[in-house]
């Protein structure tokens, strides 16, 4: 009874000693209190966290090497799109006046979603019929075939802003989604999306008559534009001119300079783990080689604060084009935008001077090349 009352009641000095001893036995060290034991356990928790981070750091290159298809998903990023965007079948929901949506067949049964936006001066004069839109392409207004970058769709906000500039300058705009993007079927590959671009260009030329056709590529689209234009020039069907916005020299060099790659840039055998996966997927986009065969006028636009495609790659491509193109090729020009403007990777379209830049390039280019 005496022991029971002491265990239930206030502990005396002896009881306190018993309590301390029981705690010390629980911690495994009779000479250390519970608080001291907890403080000793904390470094082990930090080590576990650091060990986990190190495992992730090392594990990602190994995962990419074992599953090289990951690199294809990173390059094309076709799965990333704004889920709440209006249906692409309704371009007017994107604020585009005088636009129609239609679908063109590419190779291998692929269906491509396409927008055709009329020049501003034709929006009230062309019937909303397929035949009328097609016929309007031959009205001598310049035609811009827009080749977008990776992720999202032809309805991306910065892309729509650029279409509005083109239309405001009284140019036709034809924009489409590569296979696997937007409402186009299939899955993207370098050869596949370049084949899509050639097919849409062929459709434009079929209806454009003597209207000059220009290609405008942005980011990944600059790789498509360079490769497609080289093929067209070699066939004697060179465009009236091309614009490369935020271009890179090759996907291998772009991969090395991409901000997502920086944590591993100095990882041993970086190329073996990462960039070799590009070749495993037949992804090259070697614009530095293609521009040598591009004989039409060429304009390169790049912002200094582009954090996706480094500014130095656009400047390097310009220098390569100057040095390797034939002497009788059209002019090549480079316009850089100071980082103070904040245009980054996608918003050169916000430059107040851009409409004049476009007009001078288009109207200064020969009508037929």
Protein backbone atom coordinates (compact mmCIF):
# COMPACT_ATOMS: atom_id res chain seq x y z
CA UNK A 1 0.00 0.00 0.00
CA UNK A 2 2.84 2.37 0.77
CA UNK A 3 4.42 1.82 -2.64
CA UNK A 4 1.08 2.34 -4.39
CA UNK A 5 0.43 5.68 -2.64
CA UNK A 6 3.89 6.98 -3.45
CA UNK A 7 3.51 6.03 -7.12
CA UNK A 8 0.16 7.83 -7.33
CA UNK A 9 0.96 10.83 -5.18
CA UNK A 10 3.68 13.51 -5.39
CA UNK A 11 7.11 11.95 -5.77
CA UNK A 12 9.55 12.62 -2.96
CA UNK A 13 13.30 12.96 -3.52
CA UNK A 14 13.73 9.22 -3.83
CA UNK A 15 10.85 9.02 -6.31
CA UNK A 16 12.50 11.67 -8.52
CA UNK A 17 15.62 9.56 -8.57
CA UNK A 18 13.61 6.55 -9.67
CA UNK A 19 11.97 8.58 -12.46
CA UNK A 20 15.33 9.81 -13.75
CA UNK A 21 16.72 6.32 -13.72
CA UNK A 22 13.74 4.97 -15.68
CA UNK A 23 14.12 7.70 -18.31
CA UNK A 24 17.82 7.05 -18.60
CA UNK A 25 17.15 3.36 -19.11
CA UNK A 26 14.63 4.22 -21.89
CA UNK A 27 17.22 6.32 -23.74
CA UNK A 28 19.77 3.58 -23.54
CA UNK A 29 22.30 5.70 -21.67
CA UNK A 30 21.87 5.97 -17.87
CA UNK A 31 24.16 9.04 -17.78
CA UNK A 32 22.20 11.19 -20.29
CA UNK A 33 18.84 12.89 -19.86
CA UNK A 34 16.00 12.64 -22.42
CA UNK A 35 16.70 16.15 -23.75
CA UNK A 36 20.36 15.37 -24.26
CA UNK A 37 19.49 12.13 -26.03
CA UNK A 38 17.11 13.97 -28.38
CA UNK A 39 19.78 16.52 -29.22
CA UNK A 40 22.13 13.68 -30.12
CA UNK A 41 19.52 12.19 -32.47
CA UNK A 42 19.02 15.42 -34.47
CA UNK A 43 22.20 15.17 -36.60
CA UNK A 44 21.06 11.76 -37.76
CA UNK A 45 17.83 13.31 -39.06
CA UNK A 46 19.81 15.94 -40.99
CA UNK A 47 22.03 13.22 -42.40
CA UNK A 48 18.99 11.34 -43.63
CA UNK A 49 17.71 14.46 -45.42
CA UNK A 50 21.09 15.15 -47.01
CA UNK A 51 21.39 11.50 -47.97
CA UNK A 52 17.97 11.60 -49.60
CA UNK A 53 18.87 14.72 -51.58
CA UNK A 54 22.12 13.13 -52.70
CA UNK A 55 20.18 10.04 -53.78
CA UNK A 56 17.84 12.16 -55.88
CA UNK A 57 20.75 14.11 -57.36
CA UNK A 58 22.50 10.92 -58.43
CA UNK A 59 19.30 9.03 -59.22
CA UNK A 60 17.94 11.45 -61.82
CA UNK A 61 20.90 11.06 -64.24
CA UNK A 62 20.72 7.29 -63.80
CA UNK A 63 16.97 7.32 -64.48
CA UNK A 64 17.44 9.43 -67.62
CA UNK A 65 20.16 7.08 -68.84
CA UNK A 66 18.01 4.02 -68.25
CA UNK A 67 14.90 5.66 -69.80
CA UNK A 68 16.18 7.92 -72.62
CA UNK A 69 12.59 8.60 -73.72
CA UNK A 70 12.48 11.05 -70.80
CA UNK A 71 14.67 13.38 -72.86
CA UNK A 72 12.11 13.38 -75.67
CA UNK A 73 9.36 14.39 -73.24
CA UNK A 74 11.57 17.18 -71.89
CA UNK A 75 12.37 18.54 -75.37
CA UNK A 76 8.84 18.46 -76.78
CA UNK A 77 6.88 18.94 -73.52
CA UNK A 78 3.67 18.49 -75.51
CA UNK A 79 1.80 17.34 -72.40
CA UNK A 80 2.02 20.80 -70.81
CA UNK A 81 -0.92 22.99 -71.77
CA UNK A 82 -3.32 25.38 -70.09
CA UNK A 83 -6.25 23.13 -69.08
CA UNK A 84 -8.84 25.93 -68.92
CA UNK A 85 -8.18 27.31 -72.41
CA UNK A 86 -11.14 27.56 -74.82
CA UNK A 87 -11.49 24.82 -77.44
CA UNK A 88 -9.08 25.31 -80.33
CA UNK A 89 -11.94 24.77 -82.76
CA UNK A 90 -13.13 28.28 -81.86
CA UNK A 91 -10.30 30.77 -82.56
CA UNK A 92 -12.61 33.72 -81.96
CA UNK A 93 -12.71 32.69 -78.28
CA UNK A 94 -9.01 33.65 -78.27
CA UNK A 95 -9.82 37.16 -79.48
CA UNK A 96 -8.93 36.48 -83.11
CA UNK A 97 -11.13 38.27 -85.61
CA UNK A 98 -11.42 36.85 -89.12
CA UNK A 99 -9.98 33.43 -88.24
CA UNK A 100 -11.04 29.90 -89.06
CA UNK A 101 -10.06 26.51 -87.69
CA UNK A 102 -9.60 23.45 -89.89
CA UNK A 103 -7.65 20.20 -90.08
CA UNK A 104 -5.08 18.96 -92.58
CA UNK A 105 -3.84 15.41 -93.07
CA UNK A 106 -0.14 14.81 -92.66
CA UNK A 107 1.67 11.52 -93.19
CA UNK A 108 0.89 8.33 -91.30
CA UNK A 109 -2.76 9.28 -90.82
CA UNK A 110 -1.91 12.32 -88.65
CA UNK A 111 -4.52 15.10 -88.47
CA UNK A 112 -3.17 18.60 -87.78
CA UNK A 113 -5.20 21.39 -86.23
CA UNK A 114 -4.67 24.64 -88.16
CA UNK A 115 -5.70 28.29 -87.82
CA UNK A 116 -5.84 30.72 -90.71
CA UNK A 117 -6.15 34.36 -89.62
CA UNK A 118 -7.00 36.95 -92.25
CA UNK A 119 -5.24 40.30 -92.69
CA UNK A 120 -7.12 43.09 -90.95
CA UNK A 121 -8.14 44.72 -94.23
CA UNK A 122 -9.81 41.51 -95.44
CA UNK A 123 -11.78 40.53 -92.34
CA UNK A 124 -14.92 42.33 -93.48
CA UNK A 125 -14.60 41.38 -97.13
CA UNK A 126 -14.12 37.62 -97.00
CA UNK A 127 -17.00 35.24 -96.45
CA UNK A 128 -16.66 32.77 -93.62
CA UNK A 129 -16.32 29.87 -96.02
CA UNK A 130 -13.39 27.55 -96.69
CA UNK A 131 -13.17 28.42 -100.37
CA UNK A 132 -13.21 32.16 -99.65
CA UNK A 133 -10.44 31.87 -97.03
CA UNK A 134 -8.29 29.79 -99.39
CA UNK A 135 -8.79 32.21 -102.25
CA UNK A 136 -7.89 35.15 -100.00
CA UNK A 137 -4.38 33.74 -99.58
CA UNK A 138 -3.64 34.71 -103.20
CA UNK A 139 -4.58 38.38 -102.74
CA UNK A 140 -0.85 39.33 -102.67
CA UNK A 141 -0.79 39.99 -98.90
CA UNK A 142 2.30 38.38 -97.32
CA UNK A 143 1.68 35.05 -95.56
CA UNK A 144 3.37 34.19 -92.25
CA UNK A 145 3.61 30.46 -91.48
CA UNK A 146 4.17 30.36 -87.71
CA UNK A 147 6.04 27.41 -86.15
CA UNK A 148 5.62 27.48 -82.39
CA UNK A 149 7.90 26.26 -79.60
CA UNK A 150 7.42 23.36 -77.22
CA UNK A 151 4.57 22.97 -74.70
CA UNK A 152 1.07 24.43 -74.93
CA UNK A 153 -0.76 24.90 -78.25
CA UNK A 154 -1.23 27.30 -81.15
CA UNK A 155 -3.54 29.17 -78.77
CA UNK A 156 -0.80 30.15 -76.29
CA UNK A 157 -1.27 33.77 -75.17
CA UNK A 158 2.08 35.11 -76.43
CA UNK A 159 1.49 33.35 -79.74
CA UNK A 160 -1.96 34.90 -80.12
CA UNK A 161 -0.48 38.33 -79.37
CA UNK A 162 1.97 37.85 -82.23
CA UNK A 163 -0.79 36.72 -84.62
CA UNK A 164 -2.62 39.96 -83.87
CA UNK A 165 0.48 41.97 -84.80
CA UNK A 166 0.80 40.10 -88.11
CA UNK A 167 -2.89 40.55 -88.91
CA UNK A 168 -2.67 44.24 -87.97
CA UNK A 169 0.11 44.61 -90.54
CA UNK A 170 -2.29 43.12 -93.11
CA UNK A 171 -0.52 39.76 -93.33
CA UNK A 172 -2.13 36.35 -93.41
CA UNK A 173 -1.21 34.07 -90.50
CA UNK A 174 -1.22 30.28 -90.70
CA UNK A 175 -0.45 28.57 -87.41
CA UNK A 176 -0.78 24.89 -86.58
CA UNK A 177 -0.04 22.36 -83.87
CA UNK A 178 2.55 19.71 -84.59
CA UNK A 179 1.55 16.08 -84.12
CA UNK A 180 0.84 15.41 -80.44
CA UNK A 181 0.19 19.08 -79.63
CA UNK A 182 -3.19 20.71 -79.10
CA UNK A 183 -5.89 18.84 -80.99
CA UNK A 184 -3.47 17.28 -83.49
CA UNK A 185 -3.13 13.51 -83.34
CA UNK A 186 0.00 11.39 -82.96
CA UNK A 187 3.20 11.86 -80.96
CA UNK A 188 6.05 14.27 -81.75
CA UNK A 189 9.42 13.31 -83.17
CA UNK A 190 11.92 15.55 -84.94
CA UNK A 191 11.28 13.98 -88.32
CA UNK A 192 7.55 13.90 -87.72
CA UNK A 193 7.04 17.55 -86.81
CA UNK A 194 9.33 18.69 -89.63
CA UNK A 195 7.22 16.59 -92.01
CA UNK A 196 4.12 18.33 -90.60
CA UNK A 197 5.68 21.74 -91.26
CA UNK A 198 6.55 20.80 -94.83
CA UNK A 199 3.03 19.56 -95.44
CA UNK A 200 1.42 22.76 -94.12
CA UNK A 201 3.89 24.86 -96.14
CA UNK A 202 2.94 22.90 -99.24
CA UNK A 203 -0.73 23.62 -98.56
CA UNK A 204 0.00 27.34 -98.12
CA UNK A 205 2.01 27.52 -101.35
CA UNK A 206 -0.76 25.73 -103.20
CA UNK A 207 -3.23 28.50 -102.34
CA UNK A 208 -0.92 31.53 -102.01
CA UNK A 209 -0.22 31.99 -105.70
CA UNK A 210 2.31 34.82 -106.00
CA UNK A 211 1.84 35.99 -102.41
CA UNK A 212 5.21 35.89 -100.58
CA UNK A 213 5.44 33.23 -97.86
CA UNK A 214 7.59 33.75 -94.76
CA UNK A 215 8.41 31.28 -91.99
CA UNK A 216 8.56 32.45 -88.38
CA UNK A 217 9.90 30.03 -85.78
CA UNK A 218 10.07 30.47 -82.02
CA UNK A 219 12.31 28.44 -79.67
CA UNK A 220 11.88 24.77 -80.66
CA UNK A 221 10.17 26.10 -83.79
CA UNK A 222 13.46 27.72 -84.85
CA UNK A 223 14.98 24.25 -85.09
CA UNK A 224 12.02 23.14 -87.22
CA UNK A 225 12.20 26.29 -89.35
CA UNK A 226 15.93 25.96 -90.03
CA UNK A 227 15.69 22.32 -91.02
CA UNK A 228 12.57 22.77 -93.17
CA UNK A 229 13.95 25.89 -94.88
CA UNK A 230 17.18 24.10 -95.75
CA UNK A 231 15.19 21.37 -97.49
CA UNK A 232 13.03 23.92 -99.33
CA UNK A 233 16.05 25.92 -100.50
CA UNK A 234 17.80 22.78 -101.72
CA UNK A 235 14.66 21.96 -103.73
CA UNK A 236 14.56 25.45 -105.25
CA UNK A 237 11.44 26.37 -103.27
CA UNK A 238 12.99 28.75 -100.76
CA UNK A 239 10.64 30.97 -98.70
CA UNK A 240 10.67 34.73 -99.12
CA UNK A 241 12.41 34.97 -95.74
CA UNK A 242 12.57 33.43 -92.27
CA UNK A 243 12.57 34.84 -88.75
CA UNK A 244 14.14 32.89 -85.87
CA UNK A 245 12.95 34.12 -82.47
CA UNK A 246 14.96 32.89 -79.46
CA UNK A 247 16.93 30.31 -81.49
CA UNK A 248 19.57 27.82 -80.42
CA UNK A 249 22.42 26.20 -82.31
CA UNK A 250 21.51 22.56 -81.60
CA UNK A 251 19.49 20.67 -79.01
CA UNK A 252 22.70 19.21 -77.58
CA UNK A 253 24.07 22.68 -76.87
CA UNK A 254 20.70 23.98 -75.71
CA UNK A 255 20.36 21.04 -73.30
CA UNK A 256 23.74 21.88 -71.77
CA UNK A 257 22.76 25.53 -71.32
CA UNK A 258 19.20 24.97 -70.09
CA UNK A 259 18.59 26.18 -66.51
CA UNK A 260 17.12 22.82 -65.48
CA UNK A 261 20.43 21.18 -66.41
CA UNK A 262 22.61 23.49 -64.35
CA UNK A 263 22.55 21.41 -61.12
CA UNK A 264 24.10 18.56 -63.12
CA UNK A 265 26.18 20.55 -65.60
CA UNK A 266 29.42 19.60 -63.84
CA UNK A 267 28.23 16.12 -62.96
CA UNK A 268 30.76 13.50 -64.15
CA UNK A 269 29.92 12.29 -67.65
CA UNK A 270 27.08 14.82 -68.06
CA UNK A 271 26.83 14.24 -71.82
CA UNK A 272 26.78 10.47 -71.42
CA UNK A 273 23.94 10.66 -68.92
CA UNK A 274 21.87 13.44 -70.54
CA UNK A 275 22.65 14.71 -74.02
CA UNK A 276 23.40 11.27 -75.47
CA UNK A 277 19.73 10.55 -74.75
CA UNK A 278 18.84 13.10 -77.42
CA UNK A 279 20.58 11.06 -80.09
CA UNK A 280 18.93 7.91 -78.77
CA UNK A 281 15.62 9.61 -79.66
CA UNK A 282 16.95 10.98 -82.98
CA UNK A 283 16.61 14.55 -81.73
CA UNK A 284 19.25 16.87 -83.16
CA UNK A 285 17.74 20.13 -84.54
CA UNK A 286 21.17 21.24 -85.74
CA UNK A 287 20.34 24.77 -86.83
CA UNK A 288 24.05 25.63 -86.84
CA UNK A 289 24.43 23.24 -89.77
CA UNK A 290 21.14 23.99 -91.52
CA UNK A 291 21.56 27.78 -91.77
CA UNK A 292 24.57 27.29 -94.05
CA UNK A 293 22.15 26.15 -96.78
CA UNK A 294 19.48 28.80 -96.11
CA UNK A 295 19.81 31.35 -98.90
CA UNK A 296 16.73 33.53 -98.25
CA UNK A 297 16.83 36.64 -96.00
CA UNK A 298 17.21 35.74 -92.34
CA UNK A 299 16.35 37.73 -89.20
CA UNK A 300 17.25 36.58 -85.68
CA UNK A 301 15.56 38.05 -82.59
CA UNK A 302 16.72 37.29 -79.04
CA UNK A 303 16.31 38.82 -75.58
CA UNK A 304 19.30 39.08 -73.25
CA UNK A 305 17.24 37.89 -70.27
CA UNK A 306 16.03 34.72 -72.00
CA UNK A 307 16.44 32.12 -69.25
CA UNK A 308 15.34 29.15 -71.39
CA UNK A 309 17.52 29.56 -74.48
CA UNK A 310 20.69 31.49 -73.57
CA UNK A 311 21.20 34.73 -75.49
CA UNK A 312 24.71 33.62 -76.43
CA UNK A 313 23.28 30.75 -78.52
CA UNK A 314 21.23 33.13 -80.65
CA UNK A 315 24.27 35.35 -81.17
CA UNK A 316 26.42 32.33 -81.97
CA UNK A 317 23.93 31.14 -84.58
CA UNK A 318 24.00 34.60 -86.16
CA UNK A 319 27.80 34.51 -86.43
CA UNK A 320 27.66 31.01 -87.95
CA UNK A 321 25.07 32.15 -90.49
CA UNK A 322 27.22 35.12 -91.48
CA UNK A 323 30.29 32.95 -91.95
CA UNK A 324 28.82 29.88 -93.67
CA UNK A 325 26.01 31.06 -95.96
CA UNK A 326 26.76 31.52 -99.68
CA UNK A 327 27.94 34.98 -100.73
CA UNK A 328 24.86 35.48 -102.88
CA UNK A 329 22.46 34.59 -100.06
CA UNK A 330 20.00 37.17 -98.75
CA UNK A 331 20.92 39.43 -95.85
CA UNK A 332 21.15 38.11 -92.30
CA UNK A 333 20.44 40.41 -89.36
CA UNK A 334 20.37 40.11 -85.59
CA UNK A 335 18.35 42.19 -83.13
CA UNK A 336 19.05 41.79 -79.43
CA UNK A 337 16.74 43.13 -76.72
CA UNK A 338 18.22 44.54 -73.53
CA UNK A 339 17.38 42.64 -70.35
CA UNK A 340 15.87 45.81 -68.87
CA UNK A 341 12.78 45.27 -71.07
CA UNK A 342 12.00 41.99 -69.33
CA UNK A 343 10.96 40.18 -72.52
CA UNK A 344 12.55 36.90 -71.44
CA UNK A 345 11.91 33.87 -73.60
CA UNK A 346 8.40 34.56 -74.88
CA UNK A 347 7.54 38.24 -74.82
CA UNK A 348 9.47 39.98 -77.58
CA UNK A 349 5.93 40.37 -78.93
CA UNK A 350 5.53 43.15 -76.33
CA UNK A 351 8.19 45.32 -77.97
CA UNK A 352 6.57 48.55 -79.28
CA UNK A 353 9.08 48.57 -82.13
CA UNK A 354 8.37 45.00 -83.27
CA UNK A 355 5.67 45.86 -85.87
CA UNK A 356 8.10 48.19 -87.62
CA UNK A 357 10.87 45.58 -87.44
CA UNK A 358 8.56 43.02 -89.05
CA UNK A 359 7.35 45.44 -91.71
CA UNK A 360 10.89 46.41 -92.72
CA UNK A 361 11.95 42.78 -92.96
CA UNK A 362 8.91 41.60 -94.92
CA UNK A 363 8.70 44.53 -97.28
CA UNK A 364 12.46 44.61 -97.75
CA UNK A 365 12.57 40.94 -98.75
CA UNK A 366 12.15 40.03 -102.41
CA UNK A 367 8.71 38.81 -103.38
CA UNK A 368 10.15 35.71 -105.01
CA UNK A 369 13.40 33.98 -104.15
